[in-house]
Amino acid sequence: MIRMTGCPNGCARPYMAELAFVGDSGKSYQVWVGGSPVLEGRTGFVLKDKVKEEEMDTLLGGLFGKWRDTREGNEAFGDWAHRLGQDQLLPP
């Protein structure tokens, strides 16, 4: 489940999604990950702040590739991100 909003007050409930983008200025976003795929029991966490549009392909490509390579069975993206946590998801 992916959600996107320009409202920092949670108007579109981005914090519940497996992957969410919250606009924090004209062309940059907070990226949230780790919410429940069935909107139950947990919210996501901020993966990275102030991600520019031109950086988004690199960030998401790396995340999706890592998910493909390291998930357990049919593990949903949000469950996988929650299990790994921010320190394991971002490159050093």
PDB file of N, CA and C in Angstrom:
ATOM      1  N   MET A   1       0.846  -1.171   0.000  1.00  0.00           N
ATOM      2  CA  MET A   1       0.000   0.000   0.000  1.00  0.00           C
ATOM      3  C   MET A   1       0.892   1.235   0.000  1.00  0.00           C
ATOM      4  N   ILE A   2       0.648   2.109  -0.941  1.00  0.00           N
ATOM      5  CA  ILE A   2       1.417   3.343  -1.082  1.00  0.00           C
ATOM      6  C   ILE A   2       0.461   4.518  -0.928  1.00  0.00           C
ATOM      7  N   ARG A   3       0.915   5.531  -0.184  1.00  0.00           N
ATOM      8  CA  ARG A   3       0.116   6.758  -0.047  1.00  0.00           C
ATOM      9  C   ARG A   3       1.038   7.953  -0.235  1.00  0.00           C
ATOM     10  N   MET A   4       0.451   9.038  -0.728  1.00  0.00           N
ATOM     11  CA  MET A   4       1.213  10.262  -0.963  1.00  0.00           C
ATOM     12  C   MET A   4       0.355  11.454  -0.594  1.00  0.00           C
ATOM     13  N   THR A   5       0.976  12.427   0.074  1.00  0.00           N
ATOM     14  CA  THR A   5       0.241  13.621   0.473  1.00  0.00           C
ATOM     15  C   THR A   5       1.197  14.806   0.580  1.00  0.00           C
ATOM     16  N   GLY A   6       0.645  15.970   0.498  1.00  0.00           N
ATOM     17  CA  GLY A   6       1.406  17.185   0.733  1.00  0.00           C
ATOM     18  C   GLY A   6       1.109  17.749   2.112  1.00  0.00           C
ATOM     19  N   CYS A   7       0.242  17.076   2.849  1.00  0.00           N
ATOM     20  CA  CYS A   7      -0.187  17.552   4.170  1.00  0.00           C
ATOM     21  C   CYS A   7       0.616  16.877   5.277  1.00  0.00           C
ATOM     22  N   PRO A   8       1.397  17.638   6.039  1.00  0.00           N
ATOM     23  CA  PRO A   8       2.182  17.053   7.118  1.00  0.00           C
ATOM     24  C   PRO A   8       1.343  16.659   8.339  1.00  0.00           C
ATOM     25  N   ASN A   9       0.045  16.939   8.293  1.00  0.00           N
ATOM     26  CA  ASN A   9      -0.828  16.610   9.415  1.00  0.00           C
ATOM     27  C   ASN A   9      -1.447  15.222   9.301  1.00  0.00           C
ATOM     28  N   GLY A  10      -1.043  14.459   8.328  1.00  0.00           N
ATOM     29  CA  GLY A  10      -1.544  13.091   8.190  1.00  0.00           C
ATOM     30  C   GLY A  10      -2.900  12.987   7.540  1.00  0.00           C
ATOM     31  N   CYS A  11      -3.279  13.970   6.740  1.00  0.00           N
ATOM     32  CA  CYS A  11      -4.610  13.987   6.139  1.00  0.00           C
ATOM     33  C   CYS A  11      -4.924  12.745   5.303  1.00  0.00           C
ATOM     34  N   ALA A  12      -3.956  12.181   4.628  1.00  0.00           N
ATOM     35  CA  ALA A  12      -4.194  10.995   3.802  1.00  0.00           C
ATOM     36  C   ALA A  12      -3.732   9.723   4.515  1.00  0.00           C
ATOM     37  N   ARG A  13      -3.497   9.822   5.789  1.00  0.00           N
ATOM     38  CA  ARG A  13      -3.023   8.713   6.627  1.00  0.00           C
ATOM     39  C   ARG A  13      -1.776   8.025   6.035  1.00  0.00           C
ATOM     40  N   PRO A  14      -0.772   8.798   5.640  1.00  0.00           N
ATOM     41  CA  PRO A  14       0.410   8.193   5.035  1.00  0.00           C
ATOM     42  C   PRO A  14       1.191   7.322   6.015  1.00  0.00           C
ATOM     43  N   TYR A  15       1.072   7.600   7.279  1.00  0.00           N
ATOM     44  CA  TYR A  15       1.874   6.899   8.287  1.00  0.00           C
ATOM     45  C   TYR A  15       1.430   5.454   8.484  1.00  0.00           C
ATOM     46  N   MET A  16       0.274   5.111   7.943  1.00  0.00           N
ATOM     47  CA  MET A  16      -0.235   3.737   8.028  1.00  0.00           C
ATOM     48  C   MET A  16       0.260   2.871   6.872  1.00  0.00           C
ATOM     49  N   ALA A  17       0.706   3.477   5.782  1.00  0.00           N
ATOM     50  CA  ALA A  17       1.038   2.760   4.558  1.00  0.00           C
ATOM     51  C   ALA A  17       2.375   2.021   4.656  1.00  0.00           C
ATOM     52  N   GLU A  18       2.543   1.031   3.777  1.00  0.00           N
ATOM     53  CA  GLU A  18       3.820   0.329   3.688  1.00  0.00           C
ATOM     54  C   GLU A  18       4.908   1.257   3.157  1.00  0.00           C
ATOM     55  N   LEU A  19       4.529   2.143   2.259  1.00  0.00           N
ATOM     56  CA  LEU A  19       5.434   3.130   1.673  1.00  0.00           C
ATOM     57  C   LEU A  19       4.643   4.411   1.502  1.00  0.00           C
ATOM     58  N   ALA A  20       5.184   5.517   1.991  1.00  0.00           N
ATOM     59  CA  ALA A  20       4.459   6.780   1.904  1.00  0.00           C
ATOM     60  C   ALA A  20       5.408   7.925   1.613  1.00  0.00           C
ATOM     61  N   PHE A  21       4.855   8.923   0.945  1.00  0.00           N
ATOM     62  CA  PHE A  21       5.596  10.128   0.627  1.00  0.00           C
ATOM     63  C   PHE A  21       4.822  11.305   1.188  1.00  0.00           C
ATOM     64  N   VAL A  22       5.486  12.112   2.020  1.00  0.00           N
ATOM     65  CA  VAL A  22       4.853  13.287   2.609  1.00  0.00           C
ATOM     66  C   VAL A  22       5.654  14.489   2.136  1.00  0.00           C
ATOM     67  N   GLY A  23       5.026  15.343   1.333  1.00  0.00           N
ATOM     68  CA  GLY A  23       5.714  16.520   0.827  1.00  0.00           C
ATOM     69  C   GLY A  23       6.140  17.430   1.963  1.00  0.00           C
ATOM     70  N   ASP A  24       7.419  17.843   1.939  1.00  0.00           N
ATOM     71  CA  ASP A  24       7.883  18.749   2.994  1.00  0.00           C
ATOM     72  C   ASP A  24       8.403  20.061   2.423  1.00  0.00           C
ATOM     73  N   SER A  25       8.405  20.193   1.120  1.00  0.00           N
ATOM     74  CA  SER A  25       8.679  21.470   0.450  1.00  0.00           C
ATOM     75  C   SER A  25       8.285  21.301  -1.009  1.00  0.00           C
ATOM     76  N   GLY A  26       8.613  22.265  -1.832  1.00  0.00           N
ATOM     77  CA  GLY A  26       8.187  22.231  -3.225  1.00  0.00           C
ATOM     78  C   GLY A  26       8.491  20.946  -3.966  1.00  0.00           C
ATOM     79  N   LYS A  27       9.697  20.434  -3.860  1.00  0.00           N
ATOM     80  CA  LYS A  27      10.068  19.251  -4.618  1.00  0.00           C
ATOM     81  C   LYS A  27      10.865  18.253  -3.786  1.00  0.00           C
ATOM     82  N   SER A  28      10.525  18.132  -2.521  1.00  0.00           N
ATOM     83  CA  SER A  28      11.170  17.111  -1.694  1.00  0.00           C
ATOM     84  C   SER A  28      10.136  16.480  -0.768  1.00  0.00           C
ATOM     85  N   TYR A  29      10.473  15.275  -0.316  1.00  0.00           N
ATOM     86  CA  TYR A  29       9.514  14.473   0.440  1.00  0.00           C
ATOM     87  C   TYR A  29      10.175  13.774   1.611  1.00  0.00           C
ATOM     88  N   GLN A  30       9.386  13.536   2.640  1.00  0.00           N
ATOM     89  CA  GLN A  30       9.740  12.561   3.669  1.00  0.00           C
ATOM     90  C   GLN A  30       9.298  11.217   3.122  1.00  0.00           C
ATOM     91  N   VAL A  31      10.135  10.203   3.265  1.00  0.00           N
ATOM     92  CA  VAL A  31       9.774   8.859   2.830  1.00  0.00           C
ATOM     93  C   VAL A  31       9.551   8.012   4.069  1.00  0.00           C
ATOM     94  N   TRP A  32       8.354   7.449   4.175  1.00  0.00           N
ATOM     95  CA  TRP A  32       7.964   6.597   5.290  1.00  0.00           C
ATOM     96  C   TRP A  32       7.857   5.154   4.808  1.00  0.00           C
ATOM     97  N   VAL A  33       8.270   4.219   5.627  1.00  0.00           N
ATOM     98  CA  VAL A  33       8.153   2.794   5.298  1.00  0.00           C
ATOM     99  C   VAL A  33       7.752   2.022   6.552  1.00  0.00           C
ATOM    100  N   GLY A  34       7.329   0.776   6.361  1.00  0.00           N
ATOM    101  CA  GLY A  34       7.119  -0.124   7.488  1.00  0.00           C
ATOM    102  C   GLY A  34       5.731  -0.200   8.061  1.00  0.00           C
ATOM    103  N   GLY A  35       4.772   0.485   7.461  1.00  0.00           N
ATOM    104  CA  GLY A  35       3.404   0.359   7.942  1.00  0.00           C
ATOM    105  C   GLY A  35       2.842  -1.017   7.616  1.00  0.00           C
ATOM    106  N   SER A  36       1.776  -1.362   8.271  1.00  0.00           N
ATOM    107  CA  SER A  36       1.155  -2.673   8.064  1.00  0.00           C
ATOM    108  C   SER A  36       0.491  -2.754   6.691  1.00  0.00           C
ATOM    109  N   PRO A  37       0.693  -3.857   5.961  1.00  0.00           N
ATOM    110  CA  PRO A  37       0.040  -3.998   4.653  1.00  0.00           C
ATOM    111  C   PRO A  37      -1.482  -4.116   4.741  1.00  0.00           C
ATOM    112  N   VAL A  38      -2.005  -4.388   5.923  1.00  0.00           N
ATOM    113  CA  VAL A  38      -3.455  -4.496   6.096  1.00  0.00           C
ATOM    114  C   VAL A  38      -3.996  -3.427   7.050  1.00  0.00           C
ATOM    115  N   LEU A  39      -3.217  -2.355   7.235  1.00  0.00           N
ATOM    116  CA  LEU A  39      -3.614  -1.218   8.088  1.00  0.00           C
ATOM    117  C   LEU A  39      -3.980  -1.653   9.503  1.00  0.00           C
ATOM    118  N   GLU A  40      -3.209  -2.533  10.053  1.00  0.00           N
ATOM    119  CA  GLU A  40      -3.550  -3.091  11.360  1.00  0.00           C
ATOM    120  C   GLU A  40      -2.313  -3.174  12.250  1.00  0.00           C
ATOM    121  N   GLY A  41      -2.377  -2.547  13.405  1.00  0.00           N
ATOM    122  CA  GLY A  41      -1.389  -2.809  14.442  1.00  0.00           C
ATOM    123  C   GLY A  41      -0.117  -1.995  14.465  1.00  0.00           C
ATOM    124  N   ARG A  42       0.243  -1.296  13.383  1.00  0.00           N
ATOM    125  CA  ARG A  42       1.457  -0.489  13.474  1.00  0.00           C
ATOM    126  C   ARG A  42       1.470   0.574  12.385  1.00  0.00           C
ATOM    127  N   THR A  43       2.199   1.635  12.678  1.00  0.00           N
ATOM    128  CA  THR A  43       2.447   2.667  11.690  1.00  0.00           C
ATOM    129  C   THR A  43       3.880   2.520  11.196  1.00  0.00           C
ATOM    130  N   GLY A  44       4.187   3.226  10.126  1.00  0.00           N
ATOM    131  CA  GLY A  44       5.529   3.199   9.582  1.00  0.00           C
ATOM    132  C   GLY A  44       6.447   4.145  10.343  1.00  0.00           C
ATOM    133  N   PHE A  45       7.637   4.306   9.805  1.00  0.00           N
ATOM    134  CA  PHE A  45       8.619   5.215  10.388  1.00  0.00           C
ATOM    135  C   PHE A  45       9.284   5.994   9.260  1.00  0.00           C
ATOM    136  N   VAL A  46       9.869   7.123   9.612  1.00  0.00           N
ATOM    137  CA  VAL A  46      10.559   7.933   8.617  1.00  0.00           C
ATOM    138  C   VAL A  46      11.844   7.228   8.220  1.00  0.00           C
ATOM    139  N   LEU A  47      11.958   6.939   6.949  1.00  0.00           N
ATOM    140  CA  LEU A  47      13.187   6.354   6.442  1.00  0.00           C
ATOM    141  C   LEU A  47      14.197   7.457   6.145  1.00  0.00           C
ATOM    142  N   LYS A  48      13.710   8.502   5.474  1.00  0.00           N
ATOM    143  CA  LYS A  48      14.620   9.586   5.097  1.00  0.00           C
ATOM    144  C   LYS A  48      13.833  10.865   4.898  1.00  0.00           C
ATOM    145  N   ASP A  49      14.422  11.987   5.303  1.00  0.00           N
ATOM    146  CA  ASP A  49      13.824  13.316   5.146  1.00  0.00           C
ATOM    147  C   ASP A  49      14.400  14.021   3.922  1.00  0.00           C
ATOM    148  N   LYS A  50      13.640  14.943   3.414  1.00  0.00           N
ATOM    149  CA  LYS A  50      14.079  15.847   2.356  1.00  0.00           C
ATOM    150  C   LYS A  50      14.675  15.136   1.145  1.00  0.00           C
ATOM    151  N   VAL A  51      13.984  14.113   0.665  1.00  0.00           N
ATOM    152  CA  VAL A  51      14.410  13.394  -0.532  1.00  0.00           C
ATOM    153  C   VAL A  51      13.927  14.184  -1.742  1.00  0.00           C
ATOM    154  N   LYS A  52      14.851  14.630  -2.544  1.00  0.00           N
ATOM    155  CA  LYS A  52      14.525  15.395  -3.750  1.00  0.00           C
ATOM    156  C   LYS A  52      13.958  14.467  -4.821  1.00  0.00           C
ATOM    157  N   GLU A  53      13.137  15.016  -5.697  1.00  0.00           N
ATOM    158  CA  GLU A  53      12.533  14.222  -6.775  1.00  0.00           C
ATOM    159  C   GLU A  53      13.588  13.460  -7.570  1.00  0.00           C
ATOM    160  N   GLU A  54      14.702  14.112  -7.870  1.00  0.00           N
ATOM    161  CA  GLU A  54      15.735  13.471  -8.688  1.00  0.00           C
ATOM    162  C   GLU A  54      16.482  12.356  -7.953  1.00  0.00           C
ATOM    163  N   GLU A  55      16.334  12.260  -6.636  1.00  0.00           N
ATOM    164  CA  GLU A  55      16.962  11.193  -5.852  1.00  0.00           C
ATOM    165  C   GLU A  55      16.030  10.000  -5.642  1.00  0.00           C
ATOM    166  N   MET A  56      14.761  10.177  -5.969  1.00  0.00           N
ATOM    167  CA  MET A  56      13.750   9.179  -5.643  1.00  0.00           C
ATOM    168  C   MET A  56      13.977   7.847  -6.361  1.00  0.00           C
ATOM    169  N   ASP A  57      14.340   7.873  -7.644  1.00  0.00           N
ATOM    170  CA  ASP A  57      14.572   6.627  -8.384  1.00  0.00           C
ATOM    171  C   ASP A  57      15.668   5.791  -7.738  1.00  0.00           C
ATOM    172  N   THR A  58      16.746   6.434  -7.341  1.00  0.00           N
ATOM    173  CA  THR A  58      17.869   5.722  -6.723  1.00  0.00           C
ATOM    174  C   THR A  58      17.454   5.120  -5.384  1.00  0.00           C
ATOM    175  N   LEU A  59      16.770   5.906  -4.556  1.00  0.00           N
ATOM    176  CA  LEU A  59      16.340   5.424  -3.241  1.00  0.00           C
ATOM    177  C   LEU A  59      15.368   4.253  -3.383  1.00  0.00           C
ATOM    178  N   LEU A  60      14.342   4.425  -4.205  1.00  0.00           N
ATOM    179  CA  LEU A  60      13.330   3.374  -4.345  1.00  0.00           C
ATOM    180  C   LEU A  60      13.882   2.149  -5.067  1.00  0.00           C
ATOM    181  N   GLY A  61      14.721   2.356  -6.072  1.00  0.00           N
ATOM    182  CA  GLY A  61      15.337   1.225  -6.763  1.00  0.00           C
ATOM    183  C   GLY A  61      16.161   0.373  -5.815  1.00  0.00           C
ATOM    184  N   GLY A  62      16.915   1.024  -4.946  1.00  0.00           N
ATOM    185  CA  GLY A  62      17.702   0.295  -3.954  1.00  0.00           C
ATOM    186  C   GLY A  62      16.834  -0.454  -2.958  1.00  0.00           C
ATOM    187  N   LEU A  63      15.767   0.196  -2.496  1.00  0.00           N
ATOM    188  CA  LEU A  63      14.853  -0.447  -1.546  1.00  0.00           C
ATOM    189  C   LEU A  63      14.167  -1.663  -2.157  1.00  0.00           C
ATOM    190  N   PHE A  64      13.610  -1.489  -3.353  1.00  0.00           N
ATOM    191  CA  PHE A  64      12.883  -2.594  -3.980  1.00  0.00           C
ATOM    192  C   PHE A  64      13.808  -3.748  -4.348  1.00  0.00           C
ATOM    193  N   GLY A  65      15.030  -3.436  -4.763  1.00  0.00           N
ATOM    194  CA  GLY A  65      16.000  -4.492  -5.053  1.00  0.00           C
ATOM    195  C   GLY A  65      16.380  -5.267  -3.807  1.00  0.00           C
ATOM    196  N   LYS A  66      16.584  -4.548  -2.708  1.00  0.00           N
ATOM    197  CA  LYS A  66      16.928  -5.208  -1.444  1.00  0.00           C
ATOM    198  C   LYS A  66      15.756  -6.057  -0.948  1.00  0.00           C
ATOM    199  N   TRP A  67      14.546  -5.537  -1.097  1.00  0.00           N
ATOM    200  CA  TRP A  67      13.346  -6.295  -0.703  1.00  0.00           C
ATOM    201  C   TRP A  67      13.253  -7.579  -1.515  1.00  0.00           C
ATOM    202  N   ARG A  68      13.432  -7.467  -2.816  1.00  0.00           N
ATOM    203  CA  ARG A  68      13.386  -8.643  -3.691  1.00  0.00           C
ATOM    204  C   ARG A  68      14.413  -9.701  -3.247  1.00  0.00           C
ATOM    205  N   ASP A  69      15.595  -9.249  -2.873  1.00  0.00           N
ATOM    206  CA  ASP A  69      16.692 -10.163  -2.567  1.00  0.00           C
ATOM    207  C   ASP A  69      16.702 -10.702  -1.139  1.00  0.00           C
ATOM    208  N   THR A  70      16.055  -9.995  -0.194  1.00  0.00           N
ATOM    209  CA  THR A  70      16.199 -10.386   1.215  1.00  0.00           C
ATOM    210  C   THR A  70      14.898 -10.696   1.938  1.00  0.00           C
ATOM    211  N   ARG A  71      13.774 -10.584   1.259  1.00  0.00           N
ATOM    212  CA  ARG A  71      12.519 -10.864   1.969  1.00  0.00           C
ATOM    213  C   ARG A  71      12.401 -12.363   2.249  1.00  0.00           C
ATOM    214  N   GLU A  72      11.593 -12.669   3.228  1.00  0.00           N
ATOM    215  CA  GLU A  72      11.382 -14.060   3.636  1.00  0.00           C
ATOM    216  C   GLU A  72      10.078 -14.558   3.029  1.00  0.00           C
ATOM    217  N   GLY A  73      10.169 -15.479   2.097  1.00  0.00           N
ATOM    218  CA  GLY A  73       8.977 -16.026   1.442  1.00  0.00           C
ATOM    219  C   GLY A  73       8.228 -14.946   0.690  1.00  0.00           C
ATOM    220  N   ASN A  74       6.950 -14.815   0.971  1.00  0.00           N
ATOM    221  CA  ASN A  74       6.098 -13.802   0.335  1.00  0.00           C
ATOM    222  C   ASN A  74       5.916 -12.577   1.229  1.00  0.00           C
ATOM    223  N   GLU A  75       6.917 -12.261   2.004  1.00  0.00           N
ATOM    224  CA  GLU A  75       6.856 -11.152   2.959  1.00  0.00           C
ATOM    225  C   GLU A  75       6.487  -9.840   2.255  1.00  0.00           C
ATOM    226  N   ALA A  76       5.479  -9.182   2.776  1.00  0.00           N
ATOM    227  CA  ALA A  76       5.042  -7.894   2.234  1.00  0.00           C
ATOM    228  C   ALA A  76       6.110  -6.833   2.480  1.00  0.00           C
ATOM    229  N   PHE A  77       6.111  -5.808   1.643  1.00  0.00           N
ATOM    230  CA  PHE A  77       7.110  -4.747   1.744  1.00  0.00           C
ATOM    231  C   PHE A  77       7.110  -4.099   3.130  1.00  0.00           C
ATOM    232  N   GLY A  78       5.928  -3.771   3.656  1.00  0.00           N
ATOM    233  CA  GLY A  78       5.849  -3.121   4.968  1.00  0.00           C
ATOM    234  C   GLY A  78       6.364  -4.003   6.091  1.00  0.00           C
ATOM    235  N   ASP A  79       6.051  -5.293   6.037  1.00  0.00           N
ATOM    236  CA  ASP A  79       6.544  -6.224   7.059  1.00  0.00           C
ATOM    237  C   ASP A  79       8.061  -6.348   6.987  1.00  0.00           C
ATOM    238  N   TRP A  80       8.578  -6.420   5.773  1.00  0.00           N
ATOM    239  CA  TRP A  80      10.014  -6.520   5.555  1.00  0.00           C
ATOM    240  C   TRP A  80      10.729  -5.270   6.080  1.00  0.00           C
ATOM    241  N   ALA A  81      10.227  -4.090   5.728  1.00  0.00           N
ATOM    242  CA  ALA A  81      10.846  -2.840   6.173  1.00  0.00           C
ATOM    243  C   ALA A  81      10.803  -2.715   7.687  1.00  0.00           C
ATOM    244  N   HIS A  82       9.687  -3.098   8.293  1.00  0.00           N
ATOM    245  CA  HIS A  82       9.562  -3.056   9.751  1.00  0.00           C
ATOM    246  C   HIS A  82      10.569  -4.003  10.412  1.00  0.00           C
ATOM    247  N   ARG A  83      10.719  -5.196   9.857  1.00  0.00           N
ATOM    248  CA  ARG A  83      11.653  -6.188  10.415  1.00  0.00           C
ATOM    249  C   ARG A  83      13.092  -5.694  10.336  1.00  0.00           C
ATOM    250  N   LEU A  84      13.490  -5.119   9.215  1.00  0.00           N
ATOM    251  CA  LEU A  84      14.863  -4.668   9.053  1.00  0.00           C
ATOM    252  C   LEU A  84      15.164  -3.369   9.817  1.00  0.00           C
ATOM    253  N   GLY A  85      14.249  -2.427   9.781  1.00  0.00           N
ATOM    254  CA  GLY A  85      14.475  -1.151  10.461  1.00  0.00           C
ATOM    255  C   GLY A  85      15.314  -0.197   9.636  1.00  0.00           C
ATOM    256  N   GLN A  86      15.294   1.057  10.049  1.00  0.00           N
ATOM    257  CA  GLN A  86      15.940   2.132   9.294  1.00  0.00           C
ATOM    258  C   GLN A  86      17.431   1.896   9.070  1.00  0.00           C
ATOM    259  N   ASP A  87      18.150   1.462  10.073  1.00  0.00           N
ATOM    260  CA  ASP A  87      19.602   1.283   9.933  1.00  0.00           C
ATOM    261  C   ASP A  87      19.979   0.268   8.862  1.00  0.00           C
ATOM    262  N   GLN A  88      19.175  -0.759   8.666  1.00  0.00           N
ATOM    263  CA  GLN A  88      19.462  -1.784   7.670  1.00  0.00           C
ATOM    264  C   GLN A  88      18.958  -1.428   6.274  1.00  0.00           C
ATOM    265  N   LEU A  89      18.044  -0.466   6.198  1.00  0.00           N
ATOM    266  CA  LEU A  89      17.448  -0.119   4.908  1.00  0.00           C
ATOM    267  C   LEU A  89      18.225   0.923   4.135  1.00  0.00           C
ATOM    268  N   LEU A  90      18.877   1.835   4.831  1.00  0.00           N
ATOM    269  CA  LEU A  90      19.628   2.883   4.148  1.00  0.00           C
ATOM    270  C   LEU A  90      21.066   2.450   3.913  1.00  0.00           C
ATOM    271  N   PRO A  91      21.606   2.769   2.744  1.00  0.00           N
ATOM    272  CA  PRO A  91      23.015   2.437   2.494  1.00  0.00           C
ATOM    273  C   PRO A  91      23.918   3.238   3.434  1.00  0.00           C
ATOM    274  N   PRO A  92      25.082   2.691   3.749  1.00  0.00           N
ATOM    275  CA  PRO A  92      26.003   3.416   4.663  1.00  0.00           C
ATOM    276  C   PRO A  92      26.539   4.697   4.065  1.00  0.00           C
TER     277      PRO A  92
END
